[in-house]
Amino acid sequence: MDLSVIIVSYNVRYFLDLCLSSVRKAAEGINCEIFVVDNNSTDGSCLMVSTGYPEVKLIANTDNKGFAAANNQAIKQASGKYLLLLNPDTFIGEDTLRKCITFMDSHADAGATGVMMINGRGKFLPESKRGLPDPATAFYRISGLTYLFPRSARFNRYYLGNLDKTEIHSVDIISGAFMFLRREAVHKTGLPDESFFMYGEDIDYSYRILKEGYKNYYYPGVKILHFKGESTKKENIDFVVNFYKAMLIFVRKHFNDGNFKRISFAIHIAVFFRAGLSVMHRFLDKIFKLLLTGFTSVLHPLKGHERTVRTVIVSDTEGYGKVKEILISAGIPSETLRISTVRNDPDKNIAGTIYNLNEILKGNRIGQVIFTSGRMNASGIIDSINSISDRKVTIRIASAGEKFIISSGSVTKKRTQSI
């Protein structure tokens, strides 16, 4: 067996569906097994996997065991030369797995490899490459200094802001959203630490791989979409607290040299500082939204008024029609235009093709772009999303067969469609 793909899922049925669809295509021609470990979801995830992806080895837990423990269940059963720990809210290209196998084959010193990740708006995710969160680095990260000095080798050591994101680098930490592992490195390192329930297990495991004499690589030759990368924002108090807890576990485990109380105090101060910023940000955001709502009500005094969104649908004719049906059924007012997925489309009613997408968005006041995953390559979708990351548009992806439309944090489906 060349590769074992392991996905831990919890109540993200639609993200998981889109992810598995992309993994299935990427696994073609590879001796590969796919595991889904479900942590007691209540949204029909298990039924979707068992009926829609019968080749997947499903482990259905009756309780939420946490991320590390669930991964360990599949790792113990996996037989691949390489293992990929993959988040369910990712979307990968057709050549992703093959390229990573080739990279690992050519880098015998690699224990783990991570790739370039972009979020649902096409923006580069800095957690694609990270430094070791020693006490000082963790303090800079939690306090917010990392964001104030994004290119600093010192203050942004956590995200290695001084390293070119387009070049291969040996790094300290690989993201758990996409962690491509060498089996022999896993054997030497042992299983991920189950004391990390939600955050920090990838940091701990990456560091343990380094301590076994392997290297961790950031490989930008592969680009993937990670939807939820933008949902855990720095102003989210829950994230700050959970990240803090994970950092304390990590520091206590690896840097407990007798100064743990002092380090813990410094991290506490950073957390309180960030929490204060979070409260202030939420307050100002709420005030801004109230003012904006009042201003909008003056401009549009009619109750129930909904602004029509000019929407570009990247698809062939059939897919275009099906996506329009979803929008209409869901009650989303949209003025739609079709962009073809091929260069020489004879249809005279199209707004253009995928090859001049940027120009179309620039000149047509487009508010939303929907890509149809069943009508074009996943790699092409990911590259296109990345290419329009500077446009202020909502980016969404329709599933194969146009069963639903997904974006970061939202799913749209026909109202008559059951969950």
Protein backbone atom coordinates (compact mmCIF):
# COMPACT_ATOMS: atom_id res chain seq x y z
CA MET A 1 0.00 0.00 0.00
CA ASP A 2 1.48 3.34 -1.07
CA LEU A 3 -0.72 5.72 0.89
CA SER A 4 -3.27 5.83 3.71
CA VAL A 5 -5.45 8.97 3.86
CA ILE A 6 -6.99 9.62 7.28
CA ILE A 7 -9.80 12.14 7.80
CA VAL A 8 -11.29 12.87 11.23
CA SER A 9 -14.77 14.37 11.00
CA TYR A 10 -17.32 15.88 13.35
CA ASN A 11 -20.62 17.36 12.09
CA VAL A 12 -19.26 18.69 8.80
CA ARG A 13 -21.15 16.45 6.40
CA TYR A 14 -21.08 18.76 3.37
CA PHE A 15 -17.45 19.78 3.76
CA LEU A 16 -16.57 16.10 4.17
CA ASP A 17 -18.54 15.18 1.04
CA LEU A 18 -16.68 17.74 -1.06
CA CYS A 19 -13.36 16.68 0.48
CA LEU A 20 -13.91 12.98 -0.21
CA SER A 21 -14.94 13.73 -3.79
CA SER A 22 -11.61 15.52 -4.36
CA VAL A 23 -9.61 12.79 -2.56
CA ARG A 24 -11.28 10.09 -4.65
CA LYS A 25 -10.10 11.80 -7.85
CA ALA A 26 -6.62 12.44 -6.47
CA ALA A 27 -6.27 8.78 -5.45
CA GLU A 28 -6.90 7.43 -8.97
CA GLY A 29 -3.98 5.29 -10.11
CA ILE A 30 -2.47 5.17 -6.60
CA ASN A 31 -2.51 2.13 -4.33
CA CYS A 32 -4.39 4.02 -1.66
CA GLU A 33 -6.80 3.44 1.22
CA ILE A 34 -9.03 6.12 2.73
CA PHE A 35 -10.20 6.23 6.35
CA VAL A 36 -12.89 8.45 7.82
CA VAL A 37 -13.07 8.50 11.60
CA ASP A 38 -16.35 10.09 12.68
CA ASN A 39 -16.50 11.50 16.20
CA ASN A 40 -20.20 10.81 16.81
CA SER A 41 -21.65 13.29 14.30
CA THR A 42 -25.41 13.91 14.33
CA ASP A 43 -25.72 15.39 10.84
CA GLY A 44 -25.86 12.21 8.77
CA SER A 45 -22.14 12.15 7.99
CA CYS A 46 -21.77 8.39 8.47
CA LEU A 47 -24.71 7.55 6.21
CA MET A 48 -23.34 9.89 3.54
CA VAL A 49 -19.93 8.20 3.67
CA SER A 50 -21.26 4.63 3.68
CA THR A 51 -23.66 5.20 0.78
CA GLY A 52 -21.72 7.71 -1.32
CA TYR A 53 -18.17 6.41 -0.75
CA PRO A 54 -18.35 2.65 -0.17
CA GLU A 55 -14.59 2.29 -0.73
CA VAL A 56 -13.88 4.37 2.39
CA LYS A 57 -13.06 2.57 5.64
CA LEU A 58 -15.45 4.20 8.10
CA ILE A 59 -14.79 4.18 11.84
CA ALA A 60 -17.94 5.46 13.55
CA ASN A 61 -17.30 6.48 17.16
CA THR A 62 -20.12 6.69 19.70
CA ASP A 63 -18.50 9.68 21.42
CA ASN A 64 -16.20 12.56 20.50
CA LYS A 65 -12.72 11.24 21.18
CA GLY A 66 -10.92 14.39 20.04
CA PHE A 67 -8.72 14.91 17.03
CA ALA A 68 -5.53 13.12 18.10
CA ALA A 69 -7.26 10.06 19.56
CA ALA A 70 -9.45 9.65 16.46
CA ASN A 71 -6.44 9.89 14.16
CA ASN A 72 -4.71 7.23 16.24
CA GLN A 73 -7.59 4.81 15.68
CA ALA A 74 -6.97 4.90 11.93
CA ILE A 75 -3.17 5.08 12.15
CA LYS A 76 -3.20 1.76 14.00
CA GLN A 77 -5.10 0.15 11.09
CA ALA A 78 -3.35 1.95 8.22
CA SER A 79 -0.90 0.03 6.03
CA GLY A 80 0.41 2.71 3.66
CA LYS A 81 4.08 3.54 3.13
CA TYR A 82 2.93 7.13 3.66
CA LEU A 83 0.09 8.51 5.75
CA LEU A 84 -1.84 11.72 5.13
CA LEU A 85 -3.70 13.31 8.03
CA LEU A 86 -6.27 15.51 6.29
CA ASN A 87 -8.96 17.85 7.59
CA PRO A 88 -12.50 17.30 6.27
CA ASP A 89 -12.84 20.98 5.35
CA THR A 90 -10.14 20.77 2.69
CA PHE A 91 -10.38 20.46 -1.09
CA ILE A 92 -7.38 19.02 -2.96
CA GLY A 93 -6.26 18.88 -6.58
CA GLU A 94 -6.03 15.79 -8.75
CA ASP A 95 -2.21 15.75 -8.63
CA THR A 96 -1.88 16.49 -4.89
CA LEU A 97 -1.24 12.98 -3.60
CA ARG A 98 1.02 11.96 -6.46
CA LYS A 99 3.17 15.08 -6.12
CA CYS A 100 3.54 14.58 -2.37
CA ILE A 101 4.56 10.94 -2.81
CA THR A 102 7.17 11.99 -5.39
CA PHE A 103 8.46 14.73 -3.07
CA MET A 104 8.78 12.36 -0.11
CA ASP A 105 10.46 9.72 -2.30
CA SER A 106 13.09 12.29 -3.33
CA HIS A 107 13.64 13.60 0.23
CA ALA A 108 14.64 10.61 2.33
CA ASP A 109 15.22 12.86 5.35
CA ALA A 110 11.59 14.05 5.36
CA GLY A 111 9.51 12.83 8.27
CA ALA A 112 6.57 15.05 7.37
CA THR A 113 5.58 17.42 4.59
CA GLY A 114 3.04 20.24 4.51
CA VAL A 115 1.79 22.18 1.50
CA MET A 116 0.62 25.66 0.56
CA MET A 117 -2.89 26.23 1.89
CA ILE A 118 -5.30 28.96 0.86
CA ASN A 119 -8.58 29.85 2.56
CA GLY A 120 -12.06 30.17 1.09
CA ARG A 121 -11.26 33.66 -0.21
CA GLY A 122 -8.10 32.53 -1.95
CA LYS A 123 -5.72 34.06 0.61
CA PHE A 124 -2.53 32.28 1.66
CA LEU A 125 -2.85 30.67 5.09
CA PRO A 126 0.27 31.48 7.17
CA GLU A 127 -0.12 28.28 9.21
CA SER A 128 1.12 26.45 6.12
CA LYS A 129 4.63 26.96 7.56
CA ARG A 130 5.37 27.56 11.22
CA GLY A 131 8.23 27.81 13.65
CA LEU A 132 8.61 26.07 16.98
CA PRO A 133 6.41 27.80 19.59
CA ASP A 134 8.94 28.12 22.36
CA PRO A 135 7.75 30.32 25.26
CA ALA A 136 8.80 33.60 23.61
CA THR A 137 7.26 32.66 20.24
CA ALA A 138 4.02 31.57 21.92
CA PHE A 139 3.89 34.89 23.79
CA TYR A 140 4.36 36.90 20.58
CA ARG A 141 1.64 34.82 18.90
CA ILE A 142 -0.96 35.08 21.66
CA SER A 143 -0.27 38.76 22.42
CA GLY A 144 -0.80 39.75 18.79
CA LEU A 145 2.74 40.97 18.06
CA THR A 146 2.90 38.36 15.29
CA TYR A 147 0.17 40.24 13.41
CA LEU A 148 1.71 43.67 14.01
CA PHE A 149 5.06 42.57 12.54
CA PRO A 150 4.14 39.93 9.90
CA ARG A 151 7.57 39.84 8.21
CA SER A 152 9.68 39.91 11.35
CA ALA A 153 12.00 36.94 11.86
CA ARG A 154 11.64 37.50 15.60
CA PHE A 155 8.04 38.54 16.27
CA ASN A 156 6.58 36.36 13.52
CA ARG A 157 8.69 33.34 14.20
CA TYR A 158 5.43 31.43 14.67
CA TYR A 159 4.43 31.85 11.02
CA LEU A 160 8.00 32.19 9.67
CA GLY A 161 7.00 35.46 8.05
CA ASN A 162 10.55 36.05 6.82
CA LEU A 163 10.50 32.94 4.58
CA ASP A 164 9.30 33.10 0.98
CA LYS A 165 5.99 31.22 0.73
CA THR A 166 6.75 30.21 -2.88
CA GLU A 167 9.94 28.30 -2.01
CA ILE A 168 10.59 24.92 -0.39
CA HIS A 169 11.77 25.24 3.21
CA SER A 170 12.76 23.00 6.06
CA VAL A 171 10.45 24.16 8.86
CA ASP A 172 9.64 23.24 12.43
CA ILE A 173 5.88 22.73 12.35
CA ILE A 174 3.52 21.18 9.79
CA SER A 175 -0.21 21.93 9.94
CA GLY A 176 -2.49 19.12 11.04
CA ALA A 177 -4.93 20.14 8.30
CA PHE A 178 -2.58 18.45 5.79
CA MET A 179 0.23 16.43 7.32
CA PHE A 180 1.91 13.99 4.92
CA LEU A 181 3.87 11.48 7.02
CA ARG A 182 6.49 8.81 6.38
CA ARG A 183 5.42 5.57 8.05
CA GLU A 184 8.86 4.77 9.46
CA ALA A 185 8.92 8.24 11.05
CA VAL A 186 5.57 7.47 12.67
CA HIS A 187 6.93 4.18 13.99
CA LYS A 188 9.93 5.95 15.57
CA THR A 189 7.97 8.93 16.85
CA GLY A 190 4.97 7.06 18.17
CA LEU A 191 1.34 8.12 18.00
CA PRO A 192 0.06 11.71 18.36
CA ASP A 193 -0.42 12.75 22.00
CA GLU A 194 -4.08 12.33 22.95
CA SER A 195 -3.86 14.92 25.73
CA PHE A 196 -4.25 17.50 22.97
CA PHE A 197 -8.00 17.39 22.33
CA MET A 198 -8.54 20.12 19.72
CA TYR A 199 -5.45 22.27 19.15
CA GLY A 200 -1.71 21.77 19.42
CA GLU A 201 -1.39 18.07 18.54
CA ASP A 202 0.20 18.96 15.18
CA ILE A 203 2.72 21.24 16.90
CA ASP A 204 3.65 18.56 19.40
CA TYR A 205 3.88 15.83 16.76
CA SER A 206 5.96 17.92 14.36
CA TYR A 207 8.42 18.70 17.13
CA ARG A 208 8.65 15.05 18.14
CA ILE A 209 9.41 14.11 14.52
CA LEU A 210 12.27 16.64 14.53
CA LYS A 211 13.62 15.17 17.78
CA GLU A 212 13.81 11.77 16.05
CA GLY A 213 16.23 13.22 13.50
CA TYR A 214 13.85 13.82 10.58
CA LYS A 215 13.09 17.07 8.78
CA ASN A 216 9.70 18.69 8.24
CA TYR A 217 9.25 20.34 4.85
CA TYR A 218 7.00 23.07 3.54
CA TYR A 219 6.32 22.17 -0.10
CA PRO A 220 4.54 24.91 -2.12
CA GLY A 221 4.53 22.74 -5.24
CA VAL A 222 1.11 21.60 -4.03
CA LYS A 223 -1.69 24.05 -3.28
CA ILE A 224 -4.90 23.07 -1.47
CA LEU A 225 -8.03 24.85 -0.28
CA HIS A 226 -8.72 24.88 3.46
CA PHE A 227 -12.16 26.37 4.04
CA LYS A 228 -12.11 26.67 7.80
CA GLY A 229 -8.71 28.31 7.89
CA GLU A 230 -10.49 31.65 8.03
CA SER A 231 -13.10 30.71 10.62
CA THR A 232 -10.69 30.59 13.58
CA LYS A 233 -9.95 34.28 13.79
CA LYS A 234 -7.68 36.06 16.19
CA GLU A 235 -10.61 37.97 17.74
CA ASN A 236 -12.36 34.72 18.71
CA ILE A 237 -12.07 34.36 22.51
CA ASP A 238 -12.70 30.61 22.46
CA PHE A 239 -9.81 30.14 20.05
CA VAL A 240 -7.50 32.24 22.22
CA VAL A 241 -8.37 30.21 25.33
CA ASN A 242 -8.11 26.81 23.59
CA PHE A 243 -4.86 27.79 21.91
CA TYR A 244 -3.51 28.95 25.27
CA LYS A 245 -4.39 25.62 26.88
CA ALA A 246 -2.63 23.75 24.08
CA MET A 247 0.45 25.95 24.40
CA LEU A 248 0.63 25.31 28.13
CA ILE A 249 0.49 21.55 27.54
CA PHE A 250 3.23 21.87 24.94
CA VAL A 251 5.46 24.12 27.07
CA ARG A 252 4.98 21.95 30.17
CA LYS A 253 5.90 18.88 28.14
CA HIS A 254 8.94 20.17 26.23
CA PHE A 255 10.22 23.32 27.99
CA ASN A 256 9.58 22.65 31.65
CA ASP A 257 13.00 23.60 33.00
CA GLY A 258 11.82 24.81 36.38
CA ASN A 259 10.54 28.13 35.06
CA PHE A 260 7.09 26.89 34.10
CA LYS A 261 5.27 29.16 36.56
CA ARG A 262 7.00 32.23 35.10
CA ILE A 263 6.27 31.10 31.55
CA SER A 264 2.68 30.31 32.45
CA PHE A 265 2.26 33.79 33.96
CA ALA A 266 3.60 35.45 30.78
CA ILE A 267 1.21 33.45 28.60
CA HIS A 268 -1.68 34.33 30.95
CA ILE A 269 -0.89 38.04 30.50
CA ALA A 270 -0.84 37.59 26.73
CA VAL A 271 -4.19 35.80 26.82
CA PHE A 272 -5.84 38.54 28.89
CA PHE A 273 -4.45 41.14 26.50
CA ARG A 274 -5.79 39.28 23.46
CA ALA A 275 -9.14 38.67 25.16
CA GLY A 276 -9.44 42.41 25.81
CA LEU A 277 -8.75 43.14 22.16
CA SER A 278 -11.32 40.51 21.21
CA VAL A 279 -14.04 42.10 23.36
CA MET A 280 -13.23 45.53 21.94
CA HIS A 281 -13.26 44.20 18.37
CA ARG A 282 -16.66 42.56 18.85
CA PHE A 283 -18.11 45.71 20.42
CA LEU A 284 -16.89 47.94 17.60
CA ASP A 285 -18.03 45.41 15.02
CA LYS A 286 -21.53 45.31 16.53
CA ILE A 287 -21.73 49.13 16.59
CA PHE A 288 -20.58 49.29 12.96
CA LYS A 289 -23.19 46.74 11.88
CA LEU A 290 -25.97 48.63 13.69
CA LEU A 291 -24.95 51.87 12.00
CA LEU A 292 -24.71 50.12 8.63
CA THR A 293 -28.17 48.56 9.09
CA GLY A 294 -29.65 51.95 9.93
CA PHE A 295 -27.99 53.55 6.94
CA THR A 296 -29.20 50.78 4.65
CA SER A 297 -32.75 51.09 5.97
CA VAL A 298 -32.75 54.76 4.98
CA LEU A 299 -31.64 53.90 1.47
CA HIS A 300 -34.01 50.90 1.23
CA PRO A 301 -37.01 51.65 3.50
CA LEU A 302 -39.10 48.74 2.20
CA LYS A 303 -39.20 45.82 4.63
CA GLY A 304 -37.93 42.52 3.36
CA HIS A 305 -35.82 44.18 0.68
CA GLU A 306 -32.98 41.91 -0.42
CA ARG A 307 -30.22 43.08 -2.68
CA THR A 308 -29.81 41.03 -5.84
CA VAL A 309 -26.29 39.63 -6.10
CA ARG A 310 -24.66 39.49 -9.51
CA THR A 311 -23.34 35.94 -9.63
CA VAL A 312 -20.88 34.30 -11.98
CA ILE A 313 -21.27 30.52 -12.33
CA VAL A 314 -18.25 28.74 -13.80
CA SER A 315 -19.70 25.70 -15.51
CA ASP A 316 -21.03 24.08 -18.64
CA THR A 317 -24.67 24.69 -19.62
CA GLU A 318 -26.10 21.78 -17.60
CA GLY A 319 -24.25 22.65 -14.40
CA TYR A 320 -25.18 26.32 -14.79
CA GLY A 321 -28.86 25.42 -14.87
CA LYS A 322 -28.61 23.18 -11.80
CA VAL A 323 -26.79 25.81 -9.75
CA LYS A 324 -29.44 28.37 -10.70
CA GLU A 325 -32.10 25.94 -9.47
CA ILE A 326 -30.39 25.72 -6.07
CA LEU A 327 -30.19 29.52 -5.75
CA ILE A 328 -33.84 29.94 -6.73
CA SER A 329 -35.03 27.15 -4.44
CA ALA A 330 -33.07 28.61 -1.51
CA GLY A 331 -34.63 32.01 -2.11
CA ILE A 332 -31.34 33.74 -2.89
CA PRO A 333 -31.96 36.63 -5.34
CA SER A 334 -29.25 36.45 -7.96
CA GLU A 335 -28.58 37.81 -11.41
CA THR A 336 -26.49 35.04 -12.94
CA LEU A 337 -23.92 34.93 -15.73
CA ARG A 338 -22.21 31.81 -17.07
CA ILE A 339 -18.47 31.55 -17.54
CA SER A 340 -17.33 28.60 -19.59
CA THR A 341 -14.74 26.11 -18.38
CA VAL A 342 -13.28 25.75 -21.90
CA ARG A 343 -11.44 28.29 -24.01
CA ASN A 344 -13.47 27.96 -27.24
CA ASP A 345 -17.09 27.68 -26.13
CA PRO A 346 -19.48 28.33 -29.07
CA ASP A 347 -22.26 29.56 -26.76
CA LYS A 348 -22.75 33.26 -27.54
CA ASN A 349 -24.63 33.89 -24.27
CA ILE A 350 -21.64 33.34 -21.98
CA ALA A 351 -19.92 36.23 -20.22
CA GLY A 352 -16.51 34.78 -21.01
CA THR A 353 -14.30 31.87 -20.02
CA ILE A 354 -12.32 30.82 -16.99
CA TYR A 355 -9.21 32.13 -18.74
CA ASN A 356 -10.35 35.77 -18.48
CA LEU A 357 -12.13 35.50 -15.11
CA ASN A 358 -10.27 38.44 -13.57
CA GLU A 359 -11.24 40.80 -16.37
CA ILE A 360 -14.90 39.73 -16.11
CA LEU A 361 -14.96 40.37 -12.35
CA LYS A 362 -13.30 43.74 -12.80
CA GLY A 363 -15.80 45.06 -15.31
CA ASN A 364 -19.16 43.59 -14.24
CA ARG A 365 -19.59 44.42 -10.53
CA ILE A 366 -19.77 40.73 -9.63
CA GLY A 367 -20.59 39.92 -5.99
CA GLN A 368 -20.32 36.13 -6.06
CA VAL A 369 -18.44 33.45 -7.97
CA ILE A 370 -19.55 29.81 -7.91
CA PHE A 371 -17.28 27.07 -9.26
CA THR A 372 -18.81 23.69 -10.16
CA SER A 373 -16.51 20.92 -8.91
CA GLY A 374 -18.11 18.26 -11.11
CA ARG A 375 -17.52 20.30 -14.27
CA MET A 376 -13.86 21.28 -13.95
CA ASN A 377 -10.63 20.07 -12.36
CA ALA A 378 -10.16 20.69 -8.65
CA SER A 379 -6.66 22.01 -9.34
CA GLY A 380 -8.13 24.54 -11.76
CA ILE A 381 -10.67 25.66 -9.17
CA ILE A 382 -8.00 26.11 -6.50
CA ASP A 383 -5.72 28.08 -8.84
CA SER A 384 -8.63 30.24 -10.01
CA ILE A 385 -9.70 31.02 -6.45
CA ASN A 386 -6.14 31.97 -5.59
CA SER A 387 -5.90 34.21 -8.68
CA ILE A 388 -8.93 36.30 -7.62
CA SER A 389 -8.01 36.57 -3.94
CA ASP A 390 -7.73 40.36 -4.24
CA ARG A 391 -11.31 40.70 -5.53
CA LYS A 392 -14.05 41.54 -3.04
CA VAL A 393 -16.34 38.69 -4.02
CA THR A 394 -17.89 35.76 -2.22
CA ILE A 395 -16.38 32.50 -3.50
CA ARG A 396 -18.33 29.24 -3.38
CA ILE A 397 -18.08 25.72 -4.78
CA ALA A 398 -20.95 23.54 -6.00
CA SER A 399 -20.61 19.83 -5.31
CA ALA A 400 -20.42 17.17 -8.00
CA GLY A 401 -23.91 16.75 -9.39
CA GLU A 402 -24.80 20.20 -8.00
CA LYS A 403 -26.39 18.83 -4.83
CA PHE A 404 -25.28 21.77 -2.68
CA ILE A 405 -23.15 24.92 -2.77
CA ILE A 406 -20.52 25.44 -0.10
CA SER A 407 -18.33 28.25 1.17
CA SER A 408 -16.47 28.95 4.39
CA GLY A 409 -19.01 28.49 7.14
CA SER A 410 -22.12 28.12 4.95
CA VAL A 411 -23.99 25.53 2.87
CA THR A 412 -26.81 26.22 0.42
CA LYS A 413 -29.06 23.46 -0.88
CA LYS A 414 -32.53 23.10 -2.33
CA ARG A 415 -35.21 23.65 0.30
CA THR A 416 -36.87 20.40 -0.65
CA GLN A 417 -33.63 18.46 -0.14
CA SER A 418 -33.45 16.52 3.11
CA ILE A 419 -30.49 16.74 5.43
